[in-house]
């Protein structure tokens, strides 16, 4: 059975409960996590994930752990994440200033983008070229938005596609 672009097929083994997933994107791996909401999965783009891991290797374990935790908090269809650095520090058994530096590292590497503050929380967007949670049409809209914001700020979009619209 051929999948249409952006389509994901999920099959559940009724004996083991294992979910077998296939996607039409040859560069994507699909992670099926136990979530409170049905359909809780993220698409991780292999080459971008590998590149991110290689970029993060020189920054210690905290930014990589932080990035992986943030991926589990991504809002479906927007790529937005509500961050509370105190809660993240407790979760990572670290100090709040270290988590703040880790977030700045992720932003500096282009893995997340600051959007706004909401009280004591910060809202960031995960780079939709690296991973996504939601429909492909929503990802394409966010990619265009990121591209337009990058151009508007006078920056050149990155060649790897992380700030470019398809």
N, C-alpha and C. Protein backbone atom coordinates (compact mmCIF):
# COMPACT_ATOMS: atom_id res chain seq x y z
N UNK A 1 0.84 -1.17 0.00
CA UNK A 1 0.00 0.00 0.00
C UNK A 1 0.89 1.25 0.00
N UNK A 2 0.73 2.10 -0.99
CA UNK A 2 1.53 3.33 -1.09
C UNK A 2 0.85 4.44 -0.28
N UNK A 3 1.66 5.17 0.46
CA UNK A 3 1.15 6.28 1.26
C UNK A 3 1.27 7.57 0.48
N UNK A 4 0.28 8.46 0.63
CA UNK A 4 0.34 9.77 0.01
C UNK A 4 1.28 10.65 0.82
N UNK A 5 1.84 11.72 0.22
CA UNK A 5 2.75 12.62 0.96
C UNK A 5 2.11 13.12 2.25
N UNK A 6 2.88 13.04 3.33
CA UNK A 6 2.41 13.51 4.63
C UNK A 6 1.54 12.52 5.39
N UNK A 7 1.24 11.37 4.78
CA UNK A 7 0.36 10.39 5.40
C UNK A 7 1.16 9.44 6.29
N UNK A 8 0.59 9.08 7.42
CA UNK A 8 1.23 8.16 8.35
C UNK A 8 0.26 7.02 8.62
N UNK A 9 0.73 5.79 8.51
CA UNK A 9 -0.07 4.61 8.76
C UNK A 9 0.33 4.02 10.10
N UNK A 10 -0.64 3.74 10.95
CA UNK A 10 -0.37 3.14 12.25
C UNK A 10 -1.14 1.83 12.36
N UNK A 11 -0.43 0.78 12.76
CA UNK A 11 -1.05 -0.53 12.95
C UNK A 11 -0.73 -0.99 14.36
N UNK A 12 -1.73 -1.40 15.13
CA UNK A 12 -1.51 -1.86 16.49
C UNK A 12 -1.60 -3.38 16.54
N UNK A 13 -0.57 -4.00 17.11
CA UNK A 13 -0.57 -5.43 17.34
C UNK A 13 -1.46 -5.67 18.56
N UNK A 14 -2.58 -6.35 18.38
CA UNK A 14 -3.54 -6.52 19.46
C UNK A 14 -3.04 -7.45 20.57
N UNK A 15 -2.02 -8.23 20.30
CA UNK A 15 -1.48 -9.13 21.31
C UNK A 15 -0.46 -8.41 22.19
N UNK A 16 0.51 -7.72 21.55
CA UNK A 16 1.58 -7.07 22.31
C UNK A 16 1.29 -5.61 22.62
N UNK A 17 0.37 -5.00 21.87
CA UNK A 17 0.09 -3.58 22.04
C UNK A 17 1.07 -2.70 21.30
N UNK A 18 2.05 -3.30 20.63
CA UNK A 18 3.06 -2.55 19.89
C UNK A 18 2.40 -1.80 18.73
N UNK A 19 2.88 -0.59 18.49
CA UNK A 19 2.37 0.19 17.37
C UNK A 19 3.44 0.20 16.29
N UNK A 20 3.07 -0.25 15.11
CA UNK A 20 3.96 -0.28 13.97
C UNK A 20 3.56 0.89 13.09
N UNK A 21 4.51 1.71 12.72
CA UNK A 21 4.21 2.94 12.01
C UNK A 21 4.99 3.03 10.72
N UNK A 22 4.35 3.54 9.68
CA UNK A 22 5.01 3.79 8.42
C UNK A 22 4.64 5.21 7.99
N UNK A 23 5.59 5.94 7.44
CA UNK A 23 5.33 7.29 6.95
C UNK A 23 5.79 7.39 5.51
N UNK A 24 5.19 8.30 4.76
CA UNK A 24 5.58 8.48 3.36
C UNK A 24 6.89 9.23 3.21
N UNK A 25 7.38 9.84 4.28
CA UNK A 25 8.63 10.60 4.24
C UNK A 25 9.79 9.64 4.47
N UNK A 26 10.65 9.42 3.46
CA UNK A 26 11.76 8.46 3.61
C UNK A 26 12.82 8.93 4.61
N UNK A 27 12.83 10.21 4.97
CA UNK A 27 13.84 10.74 5.89
C UNK A 27 13.33 10.82 7.32
N UNK A 28 12.14 10.31 7.59
CA UNK A 28 11.56 10.46 8.93
C UNK A 28 11.52 9.13 9.66
N UNK A 29 11.75 9.20 10.95
CA UNK A 29 11.54 8.06 11.83
C UNK A 29 10.38 8.47 12.73
N UNK A 30 9.54 7.57 13.08
CA UNK A 30 8.39 7.92 13.91
C UNK A 30 8.55 7.27 15.27
N UNK A 31 8.45 8.08 16.31
CA UNK A 31 8.53 7.59 17.68
C UNK A 31 7.12 7.52 18.25
N UNK A 32 6.74 6.38 18.75
CA UNK A 32 5.43 6.23 19.36
C UNK A 32 5.61 6.19 20.87
N UNK A 33 5.20 7.21 21.54
CA UNK A 33 5.33 7.28 22.99
C UNK A 33 4.00 7.05 23.66
N UNK A 34 4.04 6.69 24.93
CA UNK A 34 2.80 6.55 25.69
C UNK A 34 2.35 7.95 26.08
N UNK A 35 1.22 8.37 25.61
CA UNK A 35 0.73 9.71 25.83
C UNK A 35 -0.68 9.65 26.42
N UNK A 36 -1.10 10.73 27.04
CA UNK A 36 -2.44 10.81 27.59
C UNK A 36 -3.48 10.97 26.49
N UNK A 37 -3.06 11.56 25.38
CA UNK A 37 -3.98 11.85 24.29
C UNK A 37 -3.75 10.87 23.15
N UNK A 38 -4.82 10.41 22.50
CA UNK A 38 -4.63 9.50 21.37
C UNK A 38 -3.86 10.20 20.25
N UNK A 39 -3.07 9.44 19.52
CA UNK A 39 -2.32 10.01 18.41
C UNK A 39 -1.10 10.76 18.89
N UNK A 40 -0.62 10.51 20.11
CA UNK A 40 0.53 11.23 20.65
C UNK A 40 1.83 10.70 20.10
N UNK A 41 2.30 11.24 19.01
CA UNK A 41 3.58 10.84 18.46
C UNK A 41 4.25 12.05 17.84
N UNK A 42 5.56 11.94 17.64
CA UNK A 42 6.30 12.99 16.97
C UNK A 42 7.03 12.39 15.79
N UNK A 43 7.22 13.18 14.77
CA UNK A 43 8.02 12.77 13.62
C UNK A 43 9.37 13.43 13.79
N UNK A 44 10.41 12.62 13.76
CA UNK A 44 11.77 13.13 13.89
C UNK A 44 12.47 12.89 12.56
N UNK A 45 13.04 13.95 12.00
CA UNK A 45 13.74 13.85 10.72
C UNK A 45 15.18 13.42 10.99
N UNK A 46 15.54 12.25 10.50
CA UNK A 46 16.79 11.59 10.87
C UNK A 46 18.03 12.45 10.65
N UNK A 47 18.19 13.02 9.45
CA UNK A 47 19.41 13.78 9.18
C UNK A 47 19.49 15.01 10.06
N UNK A 48 18.37 15.70 10.28
CA UNK A 48 18.36 16.89 11.14
C UNK A 48 18.61 16.50 12.60
N UNK A 49 18.05 15.37 13.02
CA UNK A 49 18.25 14.89 14.40
C UNK A 49 19.72 14.55 14.62
N UNK A 50 20.33 13.87 13.66
CA UNK A 50 21.75 13.53 13.74
C UNK A 50 22.60 14.80 13.79
N UNK A 51 22.29 15.77 12.91
CA UNK A 51 23.04 17.02 12.89
C UNK A 51 22.90 17.76 14.22
N UNK A 52 21.70 17.76 14.79
CA UNK A 52 21.48 18.43 16.08
C UNK A 52 22.29 17.74 17.17
N UNK A 53 22.29 16.42 17.17
CA UNK A 53 23.06 15.68 18.19
C UNK A 53 24.55 16.01 18.06
N UNK A 54 25.05 16.10 16.84
CA UNK A 54 26.46 16.43 16.63
C UNK A 54 26.77 17.86 17.07
N UNK A 55 25.82 18.79 16.82
CA UNK A 55 26.02 20.17 17.28
C UNK A 55 26.03 20.24 18.80
N UNK A 56 25.17 19.45 19.44
CA UNK A 56 25.03 19.51 20.89
C UNK A 56 26.14 18.78 21.65
N UNK A 57 26.87 17.90 20.98
CA UNK A 57 27.88 17.10 21.68
C UNK A 57 28.95 17.94 22.37
N UNK A 58 29.23 19.12 21.86
CA UNK A 58 30.24 19.99 22.46
C UNK A 58 29.71 20.87 23.58
N UNK A 59 28.42 20.73 23.88
CA UNK A 59 27.78 21.59 24.89
C UNK A 59 27.39 20.84 26.15
N UNK A 60 27.85 19.61 26.31
CA UNK A 60 27.53 18.82 27.50
C UNK A 60 26.19 18.12 27.36
N UNK A 61 25.83 17.37 28.37
CA UNK A 61 24.62 16.55 28.32
C UNK A 61 23.34 17.34 28.54
N UNK A 62 23.40 18.42 29.31
CA UNK A 62 22.18 19.14 29.68
C UNK A 62 21.39 19.66 28.48
N UNK A 63 22.00 20.36 27.51
CA UNK A 63 21.20 20.83 26.38
C UNK A 63 20.54 19.70 25.59
N UNK A 64 21.25 18.58 25.43
CA UNK A 64 20.67 17.44 24.71
C UNK A 64 19.48 16.87 25.48
N UNK A 65 19.64 16.68 26.78
CA UNK A 65 18.53 16.19 27.62
C UNK A 65 17.37 17.17 27.60
N UNK A 66 17.68 18.44 27.69
CA UNK A 66 16.66 19.49 27.67
C UNK A 66 15.89 19.46 26.35
N UNK A 67 16.61 19.34 25.24
CA UNK A 67 15.98 19.32 23.93
C UNK A 67 15.04 18.11 23.80
N UNK A 68 15.49 16.97 24.30
CA UNK A 68 14.66 15.77 24.21
C UNK A 68 13.40 15.92 25.08
N UNK A 69 13.53 16.53 26.25
CA UNK A 69 12.35 16.76 27.09
C UNK A 69 11.41 17.75 26.42
N UNK A 70 11.97 18.81 25.84
CA UNK A 70 11.12 19.80 25.16
C UNK A 70 10.34 19.17 24.02
N UNK A 71 10.94 18.20 23.33
CA UNK A 71 10.22 17.53 22.24
C UNK A 71 8.96 16.85 22.72
N UNK A 72 8.94 16.41 23.98
CA UNK A 72 7.75 15.74 24.50
C UNK A 72 6.67 16.73 24.91
N UNK A 73 7.00 18.02 24.94
CA UNK A 73 6.06 19.05 25.37
C UNK A 73 5.52 19.90 24.22
N UNK A 74 5.84 19.53 22.99
CA UNK A 74 5.44 20.31 21.82
C UNK A 74 3.92 20.24 21.62
N UNK A 75 3.31 21.40 21.40
CA UNK A 75 1.88 21.47 21.11
C UNK A 75 1.61 20.96 19.70
N UNK A 76 0.58 20.17 19.55
CA UNK A 76 0.21 19.62 18.25
C UNK A 76 -0.15 20.76 17.30
N UNK A 77 0.46 20.75 16.11
CA UNK A 77 0.09 21.67 15.05
C UNK A 77 0.69 23.07 15.11
N UNK A 78 1.35 23.43 16.23
CA UNK A 78 1.94 24.76 16.31
C UNK A 78 3.45 24.71 16.52
N UNK A 79 3.94 23.63 17.10
CA UNK A 79 5.35 23.51 17.42
C UNK A 79 5.75 24.32 18.64
N UNK A 80 4.76 24.92 19.32
CA UNK A 80 5.05 25.76 20.48
C UNK A 80 5.21 24.93 21.74
N UNK A 81 6.05 25.44 22.65
CA UNK A 81 6.31 24.78 23.93
C UNK A 81 6.26 25.85 25.01
N UNK A 82 5.49 25.61 26.05
CA UNK A 82 5.43 26.50 27.20
C UNK A 82 6.50 26.04 28.18
N UNK A 83 7.46 26.92 28.48
CA UNK A 83 8.61 26.55 29.30
C UNK A 83 8.57 27.24 30.65
N UNK A 84 8.80 26.46 31.70
CA UNK A 84 9.02 26.99 33.04
C UNK A 84 10.39 26.44 33.46
N UNK A 85 11.39 27.31 33.50
CA UNK A 85 12.76 26.84 33.76
C UNK A 85 12.92 26.22 35.14
N UNK A 86 12.14 26.67 36.11
CA UNK A 86 12.21 26.09 37.46
C UNK A 86 11.74 24.64 37.43
N UNK A 87 10.60 24.39 36.77
CA UNK A 87 10.08 23.02 36.65
C UNK A 87 11.05 22.13 35.88
N UNK A 88 11.62 22.67 34.79
CA UNK A 88 12.57 21.89 34.00
C UNK A 88 13.82 21.57 34.82
N UNK A 89 14.27 22.53 35.62
CA UNK A 89 15.45 22.29 36.47
C UNK A 89 15.17 21.17 37.47
N UNK A 90 13.98 21.18 38.06
CA UNK A 90 13.62 20.11 38.99
C UNK A 90 13.58 18.76 38.28
N UNK A 91 12.99 18.74 37.09
CA UNK A 91 12.87 17.51 36.32
C UNK A 91 14.26 16.95 35.96
N UNK A 92 15.17 17.85 35.60
CA UNK A 92 16.52 17.44 35.19
C UNK A 92 17.50 17.35 36.36
N UNK A 93 17.01 17.63 37.57
CA UNK A 93 17.84 17.64 38.77
C UNK A 93 19.06 18.54 38.54
N UNK A 94 18.78 19.74 38.06
CA UNK A 94 19.80 20.72 37.76
C UNK A 94 19.40 22.05 38.40
N UNK A 95 20.17 23.08 38.12
CA UNK A 95 19.86 24.41 38.64
C UNK A 95 19.22 25.23 37.53
N UNK A 96 18.32 26.13 37.93
CA UNK A 96 17.58 26.96 36.97
C UNK A 96 18.51 27.74 36.04
N UNK A 97 19.60 28.37 36.52
CA UNK A 97 20.48 29.09 35.59
C UNK A 97 21.10 28.17 34.53
N UNK A 98 21.39 26.92 34.90
CA UNK A 98 21.93 25.97 33.92
C UNK A 98 20.90 25.65 32.84
N UNK A 99 19.63 25.51 33.26
CA UNK A 99 18.55 25.24 32.29
C UNK A 99 18.38 26.45 31.37
N UNK A 100 18.42 27.64 31.93
CA UNK A 100 18.31 28.86 31.11
C UNK A 100 19.43 28.92 30.08
N UNK A 101 20.66 28.59 30.50
CA UNK A 101 21.78 28.56 29.56
C UNK A 101 21.56 27.48 28.49
N UNK A 102 21.02 26.35 28.91
CA UNK A 102 20.73 25.28 27.95
C UNK A 102 19.71 25.71 26.90
N UNK A 103 18.71 26.46 27.33
CA UNK A 103 17.69 26.97 26.40
C UNK A 103 18.33 27.96 25.43
N UNK A 104 19.22 28.81 25.95
CA UNK A 104 19.93 29.77 25.08
C UNK A 104 20.81 29.02 24.08
N UNK A 105 21.43 27.93 24.51
CA UNK A 105 22.24 27.12 23.61
C UNK A 105 21.38 26.54 22.50
N UNK A 106 20.23 25.99 22.85
CA UNK A 106 19.32 25.42 21.85
C UNK A 106 18.87 26.48 20.86
N UNK A 107 18.56 27.69 21.36
CA UNK A 107 18.14 28.79 20.49
C UNK A 107 19.30 29.22 19.59
N UNK A 108 20.50 29.31 20.16
CA UNK A 108 21.67 29.71 19.39
C UNK A 108 22.00 28.75 18.26
N UNK A 109 21.69 27.47 18.47
CA UNK A 109 21.94 26.45 17.44
C UNK A 109 20.78 26.32 16.45
N UNK A 110 19.72 27.08 16.68
CA UNK A 110 18.58 27.05 15.76
C UNK A 110 17.60 25.90 15.99
N UNK A 111 17.71 25.21 17.13
CA UNK A 111 16.81 24.09 17.41
C UNK A 111 15.48 24.55 17.98
N UNK A 112 15.47 25.70 18.64
CA UNK A 112 14.24 26.32 19.11
C UNK A 112 14.31 27.81 18.81
N UNK A 113 13.16 28.46 18.86
CA UNK A 113 13.08 29.89 18.57
C UNK A 113 12.21 30.54 19.64
N UNK A 114 12.71 31.63 20.25
CA UNK A 114 11.90 32.37 21.21
C UNK A 114 10.71 33.01 20.51
N UNK A 115 9.54 32.97 21.15
CA UNK A 115 8.37 33.60 20.58
C UNK A 115 7.88 34.74 21.48
N UNK A 116 7.57 34.38 22.75
CA UNK A 116 7.01 35.39 23.66
C UNK A 116 7.10 34.90 25.10
N UNK A 117 6.79 35.80 26.03
CA UNK A 117 6.70 35.46 27.45
C UNK A 117 5.23 35.46 27.85
N UNK A 118 4.87 34.55 28.73
CA UNK A 118 3.52 34.49 29.30
C UNK A 118 3.69 34.35 30.80
N UNK A 119 3.70 35.48 31.50
CA UNK A 119 3.91 35.47 32.94
C UNK A 119 5.30 34.95 33.27
N UNK A 120 5.37 33.91 34.11
CA UNK A 120 6.66 33.32 34.48
C UNK A 120 7.15 32.31 33.45
N UNK A 121 6.35 32.09 32.43
CA UNK A 121 6.69 31.10 31.41
C UNK A 121 7.20 31.78 30.15
N UNK A 122 7.97 31.03 29.41
CA UNK A 122 8.46 31.47 28.12
C UNK A 122 7.86 30.52 27.08
N UNK A 123 7.48 31.06 25.94
CA UNK A 123 6.95 30.23 24.87
C UNK A 123 7.99 30.21 23.76
N UNK A 124 8.40 29.01 23.37
CA UNK A 124 9.35 28.84 22.27
C UNK A 124 8.71 27.93 21.22
N UNK A 125 9.30 27.92 20.05
CA UNK A 125 8.84 27.03 18.98
C UNK A 125 9.99 26.11 18.62
N UNK A 126 9.70 24.83 18.51
CA UNK A 126 10.70 23.86 18.08
C UNK A 126 10.93 24.06 16.58
N UNK A 127 12.12 23.80 16.12
CA UNK A 127 12.42 23.94 14.70
C UNK A 127 11.65 22.87 13.93
N UNK A 128 10.69 23.27 13.09
CA UNK A 128 9.86 22.28 12.38
C UNK A 128 10.61 21.48 11.32
N UNK A 129 11.85 21.86 11.01
CA UNK A 129 12.66 21.07 10.08
C UNK A 129 13.28 19.87 10.79
N UNK A 130 13.38 19.95 12.11
CA UNK A 130 14.02 18.89 12.88
C UNK A 130 13.03 17.84 13.34
N UNK A 131 11.89 18.29 13.86
CA UNK A 131 10.85 17.37 14.32
C UNK A 131 9.51 18.08 14.24
N UNK A 132 8.42 17.31 14.27
CA UNK A 132 7.09 17.88 14.20
C UNK A 132 6.10 16.98 14.89
N UNK A 133 5.05 17.61 15.39
CA UNK A 133 3.94 16.89 16.00
C UNK A 133 2.67 17.51 15.44
N UNK A 134 2.03 16.79 14.55
CA UNK A 134 0.82 17.30 13.92
C UNK A 134 0.79 16.97 12.45
N UNK A 135 -0.08 17.67 11.74
CA UNK A 135 -0.25 17.42 10.30
C UNK A 135 0.85 18.10 9.49
N UNK A 136 1.15 17.50 8.36
CA UNK A 136 2.18 18.05 7.47
C UNK A 136 1.78 19.43 6.97
N UNK A 137 0.51 19.67 6.69
CA UNK A 137 0.09 21.00 6.23
C UNK A 137 0.37 22.07 7.29
N UNK A 138 0.19 21.72 8.57
CA UNK A 138 0.49 22.67 9.65
C UNK A 138 2.00 22.93 9.73
N UNK A 139 2.79 21.88 9.54
CA UNK A 139 4.25 22.04 9.56
C UNK A 139 4.69 22.96 8.44
N UNK A 140 4.11 22.80 7.26
CA UNK A 140 4.47 23.65 6.12
C UNK A 140 4.12 25.11 6.41
N UNK A 141 2.98 25.36 7.07
CA UNK A 141 2.59 26.72 7.44
C UNK A 141 3.60 27.33 8.41
N UNK A 142 4.03 26.56 9.40
CA UNK A 142 4.99 27.06 10.38
C UNK A 142 6.35 27.27 9.73
N UNK A 143 6.75 26.39 8.81
CA UNK A 143 8.01 26.59 8.09
C UNK A 143 7.98 27.92 7.32
N UNK A 144 6.86 28.22 6.67
CA UNK A 144 6.73 29.49 5.95
C UNK A 144 6.80 30.67 6.93
N UNK A 145 6.12 30.54 8.07
CA UNK A 145 6.13 31.58 9.09
C UNK A 145 7.55 31.83 9.60
N UNK A 146 8.29 30.77 9.90
CA UNK A 146 9.67 30.90 10.37
C UNK A 146 10.53 31.56 9.29
N UNK A 147 10.34 31.14 8.05
CA UNK A 147 11.08 31.74 6.93
C UNK A 147 10.80 33.24 6.84
N UNK A 148 9.53 33.62 6.89
CA UNK A 148 9.14 35.03 6.79
C UNK A 148 9.69 35.84 7.96
N UNK A 149 9.65 35.28 9.18
CA UNK A 149 10.19 35.97 10.36
C UNK A 149 11.69 36.16 10.22
N UNK A 150 12.38 35.16 9.68
CA UNK A 150 13.83 35.24 9.50
C UNK A 150 14.18 36.33 8.51
N UNK A 151 13.48 36.37 7.39
CA UNK A 151 13.72 37.38 6.36
C UNK A 151 13.38 38.77 6.90
N UNK A 152 12.27 38.87 7.65
CA UNK A 152 11.82 40.15 8.20
C UNK A 152 12.86 40.72 9.17
N UNK A 153 13.53 39.85 9.92
CA UNK A 153 14.56 40.30 10.87
C UNK A 153 15.89 40.60 10.17
N UNK A 154 15.92 40.42 8.85
CA UNK A 154 17.13 40.74 8.10
C UNK A 154 18.18 39.66 8.12
N UNK A 155 17.81 38.46 8.57
CA UNK A 155 18.76 37.34 8.58
C UNK A 155 18.57 36.51 7.32
N UNK A 156 19.63 35.87 6.92
CA UNK A 156 19.57 34.98 5.76
C UNK A 156 19.12 33.61 6.23
N UNK A 157 18.10 33.00 5.57
CA UNK A 157 17.68 31.65 5.95
C UNK A 157 18.84 30.67 5.83
N UNK A 158 18.90 29.70 6.76
CA UNK A 158 19.98 28.72 6.77
C UNK A 158 19.87 27.77 5.59
N UNK A 159 21.01 27.37 5.07
CA UNK A 159 21.06 26.49 3.91
C UNK A 159 20.50 25.11 4.19
N UNK A 160 20.53 24.67 5.46
CA UNK A 160 20.07 23.31 5.78
C UNK A 160 18.55 23.21 5.80
N UNK A 161 17.87 24.33 5.54
CA UNK A 161 16.41 24.29 5.49
C UNK A 161 15.73 24.60 6.79
N UNK A 162 16.49 24.79 7.87
CA UNK A 162 15.86 24.98 9.17
C UNK A 162 15.11 26.30 9.27
N UNK A 163 15.45 27.27 8.44
CA UNK A 163 14.71 28.52 8.44
C UNK A 163 14.15 28.83 7.07
N UNK A 164 13.93 27.81 6.28
CA UNK A 164 13.44 28.07 4.91
C UNK A 164 12.12 27.37 4.67
N UNK A 165 11.29 28.03 3.90
CA UNK A 165 10.02 27.44 3.51
C UNK A 165 10.27 26.48 2.37
N UNK A 166 9.47 25.43 2.25
CA UNK A 166 9.69 24.45 1.19
C UNK A 166 9.42 25.03 -0.18
